[in-house]
PDB file of all heavy atoms in Angstrom:
ATOM      1  N   PHE A   1     -62.012  16.196-103.701  1.00  0.00           N
ATOM      2  CA  PHE A   1     -63.150  15.484-104.347  1.00  0.00           C
ATOM      3  C   PHE A   1     -63.032  15.922-105.926  1.00  0.00           C
ATOM      4  O   PHE A   1     -62.592  17.007-106.261  1.00  0.00           O
ATOM      5  CB  PHE A   1     -64.520  15.956-103.960  1.00  0.00           C
ATOM      6  CG  PHE A   1     -64.938  15.476-102.645  1.00  0.00           C
ATOM      7  CD1 PHE A   1     -64.835  16.268-101.597  1.00  0.00           C
ATOM      8  CD2 PHE A   1     -65.383  14.171-102.433  1.00  0.00           C
ATOM      9  CE1 PHE A   1     -65.312  15.811-100.230  1.00  0.00           C
ATOM     10  CE2 PHE A   1     -65.697  13.691-101.333  1.00  0.00           C
ATOM     11  CZ  PHE A   1     -65.682  14.502-100.107  1.00  0.00           C
ATOM     12  N   ILE A   2     -63.410  14.972-106.746  1.00  0.00           N
ATOM     13  CA  ILE A   2     -63.663  15.276-108.121  1.00  0.00           C
ATOM     14  C   ILE A   2     -65.071  15.607-108.215  1.00  0.00           C
ATOM     15  O   ILE A   2     -65.972  14.660-107.683  1.00  0.00           O
ATOM     16  CB  ILE A   2     -63.323  14.061-109.017  1.00  0.00           C
ATOM     17  CG1 ILE A   2     -61.811  13.929-108.920  1.00  0.00           C
ATOM     18  CG2 ILE A   2     -63.795  14.420-110.445  1.00  0.00           C
ATOM     19  CD1 ILE A   2     -61.334  12.759-109.668  1.00  0.00           C
ATOM     20  N   ARG A   3     -65.599  16.649-108.728  1.00  0.00           N
ATOM     21  CA  ARG A   3     -67.000  17.082-108.749  1.00  0.00           C
ATOM     22  C   ARG A   3     -67.426  16.747-110.210  1.00  0.00           C
ATOM     23  O   ARG A   3     -66.888  16.936-111.191  1.00  0.00           O
ATOM     24  CB  ARG A   3     -67.164  18.601-108.737  1.00  0.00           C
ATOM     25  CG  ARG A   3     -66.828  19.026-107.354  1.00  0.00           C
ATOM     26  CD  ARG A   3     -67.128  20.586-107.379  1.00  0.00           C
ATOM     27  NE  ARG A   3     -66.778  21.231-106.109  1.00  0.00           N
ATOM     28  CZ  ARG A   3     -67.166  22.361-105.690  1.00  0.00           C
ATOM     29  NH1 ARG A   3     -68.109  22.967-106.416  1.00  0.00           N
ATOM     30  NH2 ARG A   3     -66.850  22.936-104.618  1.00  0.00           N
ATOM     31  N   GLN A   4     -68.626  15.876-110.214  1.00  0.00           N
ATOM     32  CA  GLN A   4     -69.224  15.483-111.421  1.00  0.00           C
ATOM     33  C   GLN A   4     -70.776  15.803-111.430  1.00  0.00           C
ATOM     34  O   GLN A   4     -71.389  15.138-110.503  1.00  0.00           O
ATOM     35  CB  GLN A   4     -68.929  13.937-111.786  1.00  0.00           C
ATOM     36  CG  GLN A   4     -67.537  13.608-111.947  1.00  0.00           C
ATOM     37  CD  GLN A   4     -67.075  14.214-113.228  1.00  0.00           C
ATOM     38  OE1 GLN A   4     -67.695  14.248-114.227  1.00  0.00           O
ATOM     39  NE2 GLN A   4     -65.748  14.441-113.239  1.00  0.00           N
ATOM     40  N   TRP A   5     -71.240  16.782-112.295  1.00  0.00           N
ATOM     41  CA  TRP A   5     -72.633  16.923-112.267  1.00  0.00           C
ATOM     42  C   TRP A   5     -73.357  15.881-113.244  1.00  0.00           C
ATOM     43  O   TRP A   5     -72.765  15.541-114.290  1.00  0.00           O
ATOM     44  CB  TRP A   5     -72.866  18.301-112.806  1.00  0.00           C
ATOM     45  CG  TRP A   5     -72.643  19.392-111.780  1.00  0.00           C
ATOM     46  CD1 TRP A   5     -71.583  20.052-111.531  1.00  0.00           C
ATOM     47  CD2 TRP A   5     -73.656  19.829-110.852  1.00  0.00           C
ATOM     48  NE1 TRP A   5     -71.691  20.874-110.393  1.00  0.00           N
ATOM     49  CE2 TRP A   5     -72.962  20.836-109.984  1.00  0.00           C
ATOM     50  CE3 TRP A   5     -75.043  19.459-110.479  1.00  0.00           C
ATOM     51  CZ2 TRP A   5     -73.602  21.424-108.931  1.00  0.00           C
ATOM     52  CZ3 TRP A   5     -75.524  20.104-109.425  1.00  0.00           C
ATOM     53  CH2 TRP A   5     -74.843  21.052-108.680  1.00  0.00           C
ATOM     54  N   GLN A   6     -74.446  15.305-112.703  1.00  0.00           N
ATOM     55  CA  GLN A   6     -75.093  14.318-113.643  1.00  0.00           C
ATOM     56  C   GLN A   6     -75.959  15.163-114.663  1.00  0.00           C
ATOM     57  O   GLN A   6     -76.182  16.299-114.545  1.00  0.00           O
ATOM     58  CB  GLN A   6     -75.978  13.536-112.743  1.00  0.00           C
ATOM     59  CG  GLN A   6     -75.279  12.724-111.579  1.00  0.00           C
ATOM     60  CD  GLN A   6     -74.216  11.850-112.100  1.00  0.00           C
ATOM     61  OE1 GLN A   6     -74.478  10.932-112.766  1.00  0.00           O
ATOM     62  NE2 GLN A   6     -72.951  12.162-111.797  1.00  0.00           N
ATOM     63  N   LYS A   7     -76.503  14.310-115.618  1.00  0.00           N
ATOM     64  CA  LYS A   7     -77.189  14.978-116.697  1.00  0.00           C
ATOM     65  C   LYS A   7     -78.353  15.732-116.284  1.00  0.00           C
ATOM     66  O   LYS A   7     -78.797  16.588-116.945  1.00  0.00           O
ATOM     67  CB  LYS A   7     -77.513  13.845-117.848  1.00  0.00           C
ATOM     68  CG  LYS A   7     -76.304  13.475-118.535  1.00  0.00           C
ATOM     69  CD  LYS A   7     -76.605  12.327-119.532  1.00  0.00           C
ATOM     70  CE  LYS A   7     -75.375  11.924-120.276  1.00  0.00           C
ATOM     71  NZ  LYS A   7     -75.742  10.859-121.309  1.00  0.00           N
ATOM     72  N   ASP A   8     -78.988  15.216-115.100  1.00  0.00           N
ATOM     73  CA  ASP A   8     -80.157  15.874-114.722  1.00  0.00           C
ATOM     74  C   ASP A   8     -79.953  17.354-114.166  1.00  0.00           C
ATOM     75  O   ASP A   8     -80.856  17.974-113.888  1.00  0.00           O
ATOM     76  CB  ASP A   8     -80.954  15.036-113.625  1.00  0.00           C
ATOM     77  CG  ASP A   8     -80.211  14.941-112.357  1.00  0.00           C
ATOM     78  OD1 ASP A   8     -79.128  15.542-112.172  1.00  0.00           O
ATOM     79  OD2 ASP A   8     -80.639  14.213-111.528  1.00  0.00           O
ATOM     80  N   GLU A   9     -78.686  17.635-113.964  1.00  0.00           N
ATOM     81  CA  GLU A   9     -78.233  18.969-113.461  1.00  0.00           C
ATOM     82  C   GLU A   9     -78.742  19.280-112.003  1.00  0.00           C
ATOM     83  O   GLU A   9     -78.780  20.336-111.517  1.00  0.00           O
ATOM     84  CB  GLU A   9     -78.657  20.074-114.402  1.00  0.00           C
ATOM     85  CG  GLU A   9     -77.876  20.001-115.755  1.00  0.00           C
ATOM     86  CD  GLU A   9     -78.179  20.907-116.772  1.00  0.00           C
ATOM     87  OE1 GLU A   9     -79.305  21.740-116.594  1.00  0.00           O
ATOM     88  OE2 GLU A   9     -77.554  21.194-117.665  1.00  0.00           O
ATOM     89  N   LYS A  10     -79.170  18.276-111.268  1.00  0.00           N
ATOM     90  CA  LYS A  10     -79.843  18.295-110.105  1.00  0.00           C
ATOM     91  C   LYS A  10     -78.877  17.603-109.044  1.00  0.00           C
ATOM     92  O   LYS A  10     -78.883  17.751-107.841  1.00  0.00           O
ATOM     93  CB  LYS A  10     -81.124  17.732-109.896  1.00  0.00           C
ATOM     94  CG  LYS A  10     -82.236  18.509-110.553  1.00  0.00           C
ATOM     95  CD  LYS A  10     -83.585  17.720-110.239  1.00  0.00           C
ATOM     96  CE  LYS A  10     -84.738  18.417-110.627  1.00  0.00           C
ATOM     97  NZ  LYS A  10     -86.020  17.766-110.318  1.00  0.00           N
ATOM     98  N   THR A  11     -78.130  16.669-109.598  1.00  0.00           N
ATOM     99  CA  THR A  11     -77.297  15.661-108.789  1.00  0.00           C
ATOM    100  C   THR A  11     -75.799  15.957-109.002  1.00  0.00           C
ATOM    101  O   THR A  11     -75.265  15.996-110.112  1.00  0.00           O
ATOM    102  CB  THR A  11     -77.694  14.305-109.158  1.00  0.00           C
ATOM    103  OG1 THR A  11     -79.062  14.148-109.109  1.00  0.00           O
ATOM    104  CG2 THR A  11     -76.931  13.275-108.320  1.00  0.00           C
ATOM    105  N   LEU A  12     -75.138  16.108-107.902  1.00  0.00           N
ATOM    106  CA  LEU A  12     -73.660  16.324-107.854  1.00  0.00           C
ATOM    107  C   LEU A  12     -73.067  15.217-107.239  1.00  0.00           C
ATOM    108  O   LEU A  12     -73.332  14.896-106.144  1.00  0.00           O
ATOM    109  CB  LEU A  12     -73.293  17.603-107.173  1.00  0.00           C
ATOM    110  CG  LEU A  12     -71.815  17.898-106.918  1.00  0.00           C
ATOM    111  CD1 LEU A  12     -71.110  17.997-108.238  1.00  0.00           C
ATOM    112  CD2 LEU A  12     -71.609  19.082-106.098  1.00  0.00           C
ATOM    113  N   MET A  13     -72.106  14.549-107.881  1.00  0.00           N
ATOM    114  CA  MET A  13     -71.348  13.341-107.258  1.00  0.00           C
ATOM    115  C   MET A  13     -69.967  13.937-106.879  1.00  0.00           C
ATOM    116  O   MET A  13     -69.282  14.402-107.692  1.00  0.00           O
ATOM    117  CB  MET A  13     -71.272  12.182-108.284  1.00  0.00           C
ATOM    118  CG  MET A  13     -70.600  11.061-107.587  1.00  0.00           C
ATOM    119  SD  MET A  13     -70.925   9.437-108.393  1.00  0.00           S
ATOM    120  CE  MET A  13     -72.648   9.428-108.677  1.00  0.00           C
ATOM    121  N   LEU A  14     -69.669  13.617-105.639  1.00  0.00           N
ATOM    122  CA  LEU A  14     -68.402  14.125-105.118  1.00  0.00           C
ATOM    123  C   LEU A  14     -67.556  12.784-104.946  1.00  0.00           C
ATOM    124  O   LEU A  14     -67.879  11.952-103.981  1.00  0.00           O
ATOM    125  CB  LEU A  14     -68.521  14.785-103.839  1.00  0.00           C
ATOM    126  CG  LEU A  14     -69.314  16.074-103.975  1.00  0.00           C
ATOM    127  CD1 LEU A  14     -69.570  16.569-102.450  1.00  0.00           C
ATOM    128  CD2 LEU A  14     -68.721  17.124-104.715  1.00  0.00           C
ATOM    129  N   THR A  15     -66.590  12.393-105.705  1.00  0.00           N
ATOM    130  CA  THR A  15     -65.776  11.244-105.592  1.00  0.00           C
ATOM    131  C   THR A  15     -64.440  11.572-104.967  1.00  0.00           C
ATOM    132  O   THR A  15     -63.642  12.476-105.539  1.00  0.00           O
ATOM    133  CB  THR A  15     -65.637  10.604-106.961  1.00  0.00           C
ATOM    134  OG1 THR A  15     -66.863  10.386-107.474  1.00  0.00           O
ATOM    135  CG2 THR A  15     -64.905   9.279-106.818  1.00  0.00           C
ATOM    136  N   PRO A  16     -64.053  11.042-103.809  1.00  0.00           N
ATOM    137  CA  PRO A  16     -62.825  11.267-103.204  1.00  0.00           C
ATOM    138  C   PRO A  16     -61.772  10.885-104.133  1.00  0.00           C
ATOM    139  O   PRO A  16     -61.822   9.776-104.848  1.00  0.00           O
ATOM    140  CB  PRO A  16     -62.919  10.464-101.868  1.00  0.00           C
ATOM    141  CG  PRO A  16     -64.281  10.188-101.649  1.00  0.00           C
ATOM    142  CD  PRO A  16     -64.949  10.104-103.060  1.00  0.00           C
ATOM    143  N   GLU A  17     -60.617  11.625-104.211  1.00  0.00           N
ATOM    144  CA  GLU A  17     -59.453  11.272-105.084  1.00  0.00           C
ATOM    145  C   GLU A  17     -58.722  10.000-104.446  1.00  0.00           C
ATOM    146  O   GLU A  17     -58.071   9.367-105.156  1.00  0.00           O
ATOM    147  CB  GLU A  17     -58.444  12.369-105.157  1.00  0.00           C
ATOM    148  CG  GLU A  17     -59.021  13.406-106.060  1.00  0.00           C
ATOM    149  CD  GLU A  17     -57.977  14.447-106.526  1.00  0.00           C
ATOM    150  OE1 GLU A  17     -56.751  14.351-106.096  1.00  0.00           O
ATOM    151  OE2 GLU A  17     -58.177  15.173-107.499  1.00  0.00           O
ATOM    152  N   SER A  18     -58.925   9.808-103.103  1.00  0.00           N
ATOM    153  CA  SER A  18     -58.324   8.522-102.596  1.00  0.00           C
ATOM    154  C   SER A  18     -59.471   8.027-101.586  1.00  0.00           C
ATOM    155  O   SER A  18     -60.365   8.927-101.297  1.00  0.00           O
ATOM    156  CB  SER A  18     -57.087   8.806-101.916  1.00  0.00           C
ATOM    157  OG  SER A  18     -57.169   9.785-100.906  1.00  0.00           O
ATOM    158  N   ALA A  19     -59.197   6.823-101.064  1.00  0.00           N
ATOM    159  CA  ALA A  19     -60.207   6.281-100.064  1.00  0.00           C
ATOM    160  C   ALA A  19     -60.239   7.286 -98.774  1.00  0.00           C
ATOM    161  O   ALA A  19     -59.264   7.912 -98.502  1.00  0.00           O
ATOM    162  CB  ALA A  19     -59.684   4.928 -99.535  1.00  0.00           C
ATOM    163  N   LEU A  20     -61.503   7.440 -98.240  1.00  0.00           N
ATOM    164  CA  LEU A  20     -61.626   8.189 -97.099  1.00  0.00           C
ATOM    165  C   LEU A  20     -60.910   7.446 -95.908  1.00  0.00           C
ATOM    166  O   LEU A  20     -60.588   6.173 -95.890  1.00  0.00           O
ATOM    167  CB  LEU A  20     -63.134   8.341 -96.700  1.00  0.00           C
ATOM    168  CG  LEU A  20     -63.905   8.991 -97.753  1.00  0.00           C
ATOM    169  CD1 LEU A  20     -65.389   8.967 -97.366  1.00  0.00           C
ATOM    170  CD2 LEU A  20     -63.439  10.494 -97.942  1.00  0.00           C
ATOM    171  N   ALA A  21     -60.605   8.137 -94.808  1.00  0.00           N
ATOM    172  CA  ALA A  21     -59.975   7.577 -93.653  1.00  0.00           C
ATOM    173  C   ALA A  21     -60.912   6.511 -93.045  1.00  0.00           C
ATOM    174  O   ALA A  21     -62.163   6.755 -93.015  1.00  0.00           O
ATOM    175  CB  ALA A  21     -59.519   8.672 -92.717  1.00  0.00           C
ATOM    176  N   GLU A  22     -60.415   5.539 -92.353  1.00  0.00           N
ATOM    177  CA  GLU A  22     -61.190   4.602 -91.714  1.00  0.00           C
ATOM    178  C   GLU A  22     -61.724   5.137 -90.371  1.00  0.00           C
ATOM    179  O   GLU A  22     -61.013   5.814 -89.570  1.00  0.00           O
ATOM    180  CB  GLU A  22     -60.335   3.199 -91.473  1.00  0.00           C
ATOM    181  CG  GLU A  22     -59.878   2.658 -92.753  1.00  0.00           C
ATOM    182  CD  GLU A  22     -59.124   1.343 -92.555  1.00  0.00           C
ATOM    183  OE1 GLU A  22     -59.570   0.516 -91.769  1.00  0.00           O
ATOM    184  OE2 GLU A  22     -58.056   1.135 -93.118  1.00  0.00           O
ATOM    185  N   ASN A  23     -62.884   4.660 -89.995  1.00  0.00           N
ATOM    186  CA  ASN A  23     -63.464   5.014 -88.756  1.00  0.00           C
ATOM    187  C   ASN A  23     -63.408   6.438 -88.385  1.00  0.00           C
ATOM    188  O   ASN A  23     -63.083   6.798 -87.306  1.00  0.00           O
ATOM    189  CB  ASN A  23     -62.872   4.165 -87.568  1.00  0.00           C
ATOM    190  CG  ASN A  23     -62.942   2.678 -87.875  1.00  0.00           C
ATOM    191  OD1 ASN A  23     -64.088   2.197 -88.233  1.00  0.00           O
ATOM    192  ND2 ASN A  23     -61.880   1.837 -87.773  1.00  0.00           N
ATOM    193  N   GLN A  24     -63.682   7.383 -89.392  1.00  0.00           N
ATOM    194  CA  GLN A  24     -63.656   8.678 -89.268  1.00  0.00           C
ATOM    195  C   GLN A  24     -64.944   9.463 -89.400  1.00  0.00           C
ATOM    196  O   GLN A  24     -65.711   9.058 -90.265  1.00  0.00           O
ATOM    197  CB  GLN A  24     -62.667   9.211 -90.260  1.00  0.00           C
ATOM    198  CG  GLN A  24     -62.512  10.706 -90.371  1.00  0.00           C
ATOM    199  CD  GLN A  24     -61.647  11.312 -89.233  1.00  0.00           C
ATOM    200  OE1 GLN A  24     -60.618  10.953 -88.913  1.00  0.00           O
ATOM    201  NE2 GLN A  24     -62.357  12.360 -88.531  1.00  0.00           N
ATOM    202  N   GLN A  25     -65.122  10.430 -88.561  1.00  0.00           N
ATOM    203  CA  GLN A  25     -66.343  11.111 -88.763  1.00  0.00           C
ATOM    204  C   GLN A  25     -66.088  12.317 -89.694  1.00  0.00           C
ATOM    205  O   GLN A  25     -65.038  13.014 -89.529  1.00  0.00           O
ATOM    206  CB  GLN A  25     -66.916  11.682 -87.548  1.00  0.00           C
ATOM    207  CG  GLN A  25     -68.209  12.537 -87.612  1.00  0.00           C
ATOM    208  CD  GLN A  25     -68.839  13.105 -86.470  1.00  0.00           C
ATOM    209  OE1 GLN A  25     -68.324  12.872 -85.342  1.00  0.00           O
ATOM    210  NE2 GLN A  25     -69.951  13.735 -86.583  1.00  0.00           N
ATOM    211  N   TYR A  26     -66.969  12.508 -90.730  1.00  0.00           N
ATOM    212  CA  TYR A  26     -66.717  13.613 -91.625  1.00  0.00           C
ATOM    213  C   TYR A  26     -68.000  14.562 -91.613  1.00  0.00           C
ATOM    214  O   TYR A  26     -69.101  13.980 -91.378  1.00  0.00           O
ATOM    215  CB  TYR A  26     -66.696  13.007 -93.107  1.00  0.00           C
ATOM    216  CG  TYR A  26     -65.355  12.462 -93.448  1.00  0.00           C
ATOM    217  CD1 TYR A  26     -65.158  11.008 -93.189  1.00  0.00           C
ATOM    218  CD2 TYR A  26     -64.332  13.223 -93.969  1.00  0.00           C
ATOM    219  CE1 TYR A  26     -63.907  10.369 -93.479  1.00  0.00           C
ATOM    220  CE2 TYR A  26     -63.084  12.564 -94.301  1.00  0.00           C
ATOM    221  CZ  TYR A  26     -62.892  11.207 -94.062  1.00  0.00           C
ATOM    222  OH  TYR A  26     -61.753  10.591 -94.301  1.00  0.00           O
ATOM    223  N   THR A  27     -67.737  15.752 -91.958  1.00  0.00           N
ATOM    224  CA  THR A  27     -68.753  16.694 -92.085  1.00  0.00           C
ATOM    225  C   THR A  27     -68.634  17.381 -93.347  1.00  0.00           C
ATOM    226  O   THR A  27     -67.523  17.966 -93.693  1.00  0.00           O
ATOM    227  CB  THR A  27     -68.758  17.779 -90.866  1.00  0.00           C
ATOM    228  OG1 THR A  27     -68.946  17.072 -89.625  1.00  0.00           O
ATOM    229  CG2 THR A  27     -69.955  18.719 -90.998  1.00  0.00           C
ATOM    230  N   VAL A  28     -69.656  17.416 -94.190  1.00  0.00           N
ATOM    231  CA  VAL A  28     -69.664  18.194 -95.529  1.00  0.00           C
ATOM    232  C   VAL A  28     -70.541  19.325 -95.465  1.00  0.00           C
ATOM    233  O   VAL A  28     -71.774  19.253 -94.928  1.00  0.00           O
ATOM    234  CB  VAL A  28     -70.224  17.194 -96.613  1.00  0.00           C
ATOM    235  CG1 VAL A  28     -70.191  17.846 -97.966  1.00  0.00           C
ATOM    236  CG2 VAL A  28     -69.361  15.801 -96.637  1.00  0.00           C
ATOM    237  N   VAL A  29     -70.070  20.485 -95.598  1.00  0.00           N
ATOM    238  CA  VAL A  29     -70.815  21.699 -95.485  1.00  0.00           C
ATOM    239  C   VAL A  29     -70.859  22.309 -96.962  1.00  0.00           C
ATOM    240  O   VAL A  29     -69.925  22.555 -97.708  1.00  0.00           O
ATOM    241  CB  VAL A  29     -70.083  22.752 -94.683  1.00  0.00           C
ATOM    242  CG1 VAL A  29     -70.870  24.078 -94.624  1.00  0.00           C
ATOM    243  CG2 VAL A  29     -69.848  22.207 -93.214  1.00  0.00           C
ATOM    244  N   ILE A  30     -72.178  22.534 -97.391  1.00  0.00           N
ATOM    245  CA  ILE A  30     -72.460  23.038 -98.735  1.00  0.00           C
ATOM    246  C   ILE A  30     -73.080  24.412 -98.529  1.00  0.00           C
ATOM    247  O   ILE A  30     -74.168  24.548 -97.970  1.00  0.00           O
ATOM    248  CB  ILE A  30     -73.349  22.113 -99.562  1.00  0.00           C
ATOM    249  CG1 ILE A  30     -72.779  20.640 -99.585  1.00  0.00           C
ATOM    250  CG2 ILE A  30     -73.767  22.572-100.882  1.00  0.00           C
ATOM    251  CD1 ILE A  30     -73.710  19.591 -99.919  1.00  0.00           C
ATOM    252  N   THR A  31     -72.578  25.332 -99.221  1.00  0.00           N
ATOM    253  CA  THR A  31     -73.037  26.711 -99.201  1.00  0.00           C
ATOM    254  C   THR A  31     -73.344  27.048-100.624  1.00  0.00           C
ATOM    255  O   THR A  31     -72.604  27.062-101.556  1.00  0.00           O
ATOM    256  CB  THR A  31     -72.081  27.607 -98.534  1.00  0.00           C
ATOM    257  OG1 THR A  31     -71.738  27.272 -97.302  1.00  0.00           O
ATOM    258  CG2 THR A  31     -72.600  29.025 -98.488  1.00  0.00           C
ATOM    259  N   PHE A  32     -74.588  27.679-100.760  1.00  0.00           N
ATOM    260  CA  PHE A  32     -75.147  28.095-102.081  1.00  0.00           C
ATOM    261  C   PHE A  32     -75.844  29.550-101.707  1.00  0.00           C
ATOM    262  O   PHE A  32     -76.862  29.473-101.082  1.00  0.00           O
ATOM    263  CB  PHE A  32     -76.129  27.132-102.710  1.00  0.00           C
ATOM    264  CG  PHE A  32     -76.635  27.736-103.896  1.00  0.00           C
ATOM    265  CD1 PHE A  32     -75.911  27.923-105.085  1.00  0.00           C
ATOM    266  CD2 PHE A  32     -78.029  28.020-104.059  1.00  0.00           C
ATOM    267  CE1 PHE A  32     -76.446  28.461-106.198  1.00  0.00           C
ATOM    268  CE2 PHE A  32     -78.603  28.556-105.249  1.00  0.00           C
ATOM    269  CZ  PHE A  32     -77.732  28.782-106.370  1.00  0.00           C
ATOM    270  N   GLY A  33     -75.180  30.623-102.147  1.00  0.00           N
ATOM    271  CA  GLY A  33     -75.732  31.879-101.775  1.00  0.00           C
ATOM    272  C   GLY A  33     -75.728  32.126-100.358  1.00  0.00           C
ATOM    273  O   GLY A  33     -74.767  31.902 -99.710  1.00  0.00           O
ATOM    274  N   GLN A  34     -76.947  32.259 -99.773  1.00  0.00           N
ATOM    275  CA  GLN A  34     -77.143  32.610 -98.390  1.00  0.00           C
ATOM    276  C   GLN A  34     -77.424  31.202 -97.569  1.00  0.00           C
ATOM    277  O   GLN A  34     -77.686  31.355 -96.406  1.00  0.00           O
ATOM    278  CB  GLN A  34     -78.144  33.608 -98.012  1.00  0.00           C
ATOM    279  CG  GLN A  34     -77.842  35.025 -98.654  1.00  0.00           C
ATOM    280  CD  GLN A  34     -76.535  35.638 -98.163  1.00  0.00           C
ATOM    281  OE1 GLN A  34     -76.202  35.419 -96.966  1.00  0.00           O
ATOM    282  NE2 GLN A  34     -75.649  36.108 -99.098  1.00  0.00           N
ATOM    283  N   THR A  35     -77.644  30.204 -98.310  1.00  0.00           N
ATOM    284  CA  THR A  35     -78.076  28.894 -97.687  1.00  0.00           C
ATOM    285  C   THR A  35     -76.872  27.986 -97.355  1.00  0.00           C
ATOM    286  O   THR A  35     -76.050  27.707 -98.394  1.00  0.00           O
ATOM    287  CB  THR A  35     -79.039  28.117 -98.599  1.00  0.00           C
ATOM    288  OG1 THR A  35     -80.135  29.111 -98.879  1.00  0.00           O
ATOM    289  CG2 THR A  35     -79.591  26.963 -98.033  1.00  0.00           C
ATOM    290  N   THR A  36     -76.744  27.491 -96.181  1.00  0.00           N
ATOM    291  CA  THR A  36     -75.800  26.507 -95.875  1.00  0.00           C
ATOM    292  C   THR A  36     -76.412  25.254 -95.327  1.00  0.00           C
ATOM    293  O   THR A  36     -77.295  25.369 -94.455  1.00  0.00           O
ATOM    294  CB  THR A  36     -74.795  27.118 -94.764  1.00  0.00           C
ATOM    295  OG1 THR A  36     -74.142  28.258 -95.353  1.00  0.00           O
ATOM    296  CG2 THR A  36     -73.734  26.090 -94.364  1.00  0.00           C
TER     297      THR A  36
END
């Protein structure tokens, strides 16, 4: 992904460098400190 923080500094946009796979299940795991 290309990470782009928005001006509000609350919103992170993750743009895939290429199209995602078709008919695929994805899981995104975000960890910050002790919180996942």
